[in-house]
């Protein structure tokens, strides 16, 4: 005797179920792509902020050295006269 297996209330997929499954998979794909692209943009922005912060610190150090040199020259000129 062959026993037929009963899988519960599973129905054969009709056209509406196939279309809705397809739409859900497409939506999921679009959302995943958006999230992946957003993370890539965020990390590039984060690197750019670090780079600009580093450039700011370099410029600040150069300006302090320049001002210190000008003050030193002014001090020497005052001491000579």
Protein backbone atom coordinates (compact mmCIF):
# COMPACT_ATOMS: atom_id res chain seq x y z
CA UNK A 1 0.00 0.00 0.00
CA UNK A 2 1.18 3.46 -0.83
CA UNK A 3 0.56 6.14 1.66
CA UNK A 4 -0.11 9.61 0.42
CA UNK A 5 1.58 12.32 2.42
CA UNK A 6 -0.54 15.14 3.65
CA UNK A 7 1.38 18.38 3.99
CA UNK A 8 -1.34 20.27 5.74
CA UNK A 9 -3.13 23.15 4.10
CA UNK A 10 -0.59 23.72 1.36
CA UNK A 11 -2.14 24.73 -1.89
CA UNK A 12 -0.67 24.88 -5.29
CA UNK A 13 0.61 28.37 -5.89
CA UNK A 14 -1.67 30.37 -8.10
CA UNK A 15 -0.72 33.33 -10.25
CA UNK A 16 -1.45 35.91 -7.55
CA UNK A 17 0.80 34.18 -5.02
CA UNK A 18 3.61 33.91 -7.56
CA UNK A 19 3.30 37.60 -8.45
CA UNK A 20 3.22 38.67 -4.82
CA UNK A 21 6.25 36.49 -4.02
CA UNK A 22 8.07 38.02 -6.96
CA UNK A 23 7.15 41.53 -5.81
CA UNK A 24 8.32 40.78 -2.27
CA UNK A 25 11.64 39.43 -3.51
CA UNK A 26 12.14 42.46 -5.77
CA UNK A 27 11.34 44.84 -2.92
CA UNK A 28 13.74 43.01 -0.64
CA UNK A 29 16.47 43.20 -3.29
CA UNK A 30 15.92 46.93 -3.78
CA UNK A 31 16.01 47.60 -0.02
CA UNK A 32 19.18 45.52 0.44
CA UNK A 33 20.90 47.36 -2.41
CA UNK A 34 19.89 50.71 -0.94
CA UNK A 35 21.23 49.76 2.49
CA UNK A 36 24.50 48.53 1.00
CA UNK A 37 24.93 51.75 -1.03
CA UNK A 38 24.06 53.90 1.97
CA UNK A 39 26.70 52.20 4.09
CA UNK A 40 29.28 52.74 1.36
CA UNK A 41 28.43 56.45 1.14
CA UNK A 42 28.47 56.81 4.93
CA UNK A 43 31.91 55.23 5.26
CA UNK A 44 33.29 57.44 2.49
CA UNK A 45 31.83 60.52 4.22
CA UNK A 46 33.35 59.39 7.50
CA UNK A 47 36.78 59.04 5.88
CA UNK A 48 36.40 62.47 4.29
CA UNK A 49 35.61 64.04 7.67
CA UNK A 50 38.70 62.41 9.19
CA UNK A 51 40.79 63.62 6.28
CA UNK A 52 39.50 67.20 6.58
CA UNK A 53 40.06 67.11 10.36
CA UNK A 54 43.64 65.99 9.78
CA UNK A 55 44.15 68.76 7.22
CA UNK A 56 42.75 71.29 9.70
CA UNK A 57 45.25 70.17 12.34
CA UNK A 58 48.13 70.48 9.86
CA UNK A 59 47.03 73.98 8.88
CA UNK A 60 46.66 74.94 12.54
CA UNK A 61 50.18 73.73 13.36
CA UNK A 62 51.65 75.59 10.37
CA UNK A 63 49.87 78.80 11.42
CA UNK A 64 51.17 78.52 15.00
CA UNK A 65 54.74 78.01 13.74
CA UNK A 66 54.39 80.98 11.39
CA UNK A 67 53.04 83.24 14.14
CA UNK A 68 55.75 82.01 16.52
CA UNK A 69 58.42 82.84 13.94
CA UNK A 70 57.03 86.32 13.42
CA UNK A 71 56.93 86.92 17.18
CA UNK A 72 60.53 85.64 17.52
CA UNK A 73 61.77 87.95 14.75
CA UNK A 74 59.93 90.90 16.32
CA UNK A 75 61.47 90.08 19.72
CA UNK A 76 64.98 89.92 18.18
CA UNK A 77 64.50 93.25 16.40
CA UNK A 78 63.31 94.87 19.64
CA UNK A 79 66.31 93.45 21.56
CA UNK A 80 68.78 94.72 18.92
CA UNK A 81 67.55 98.31 19.09
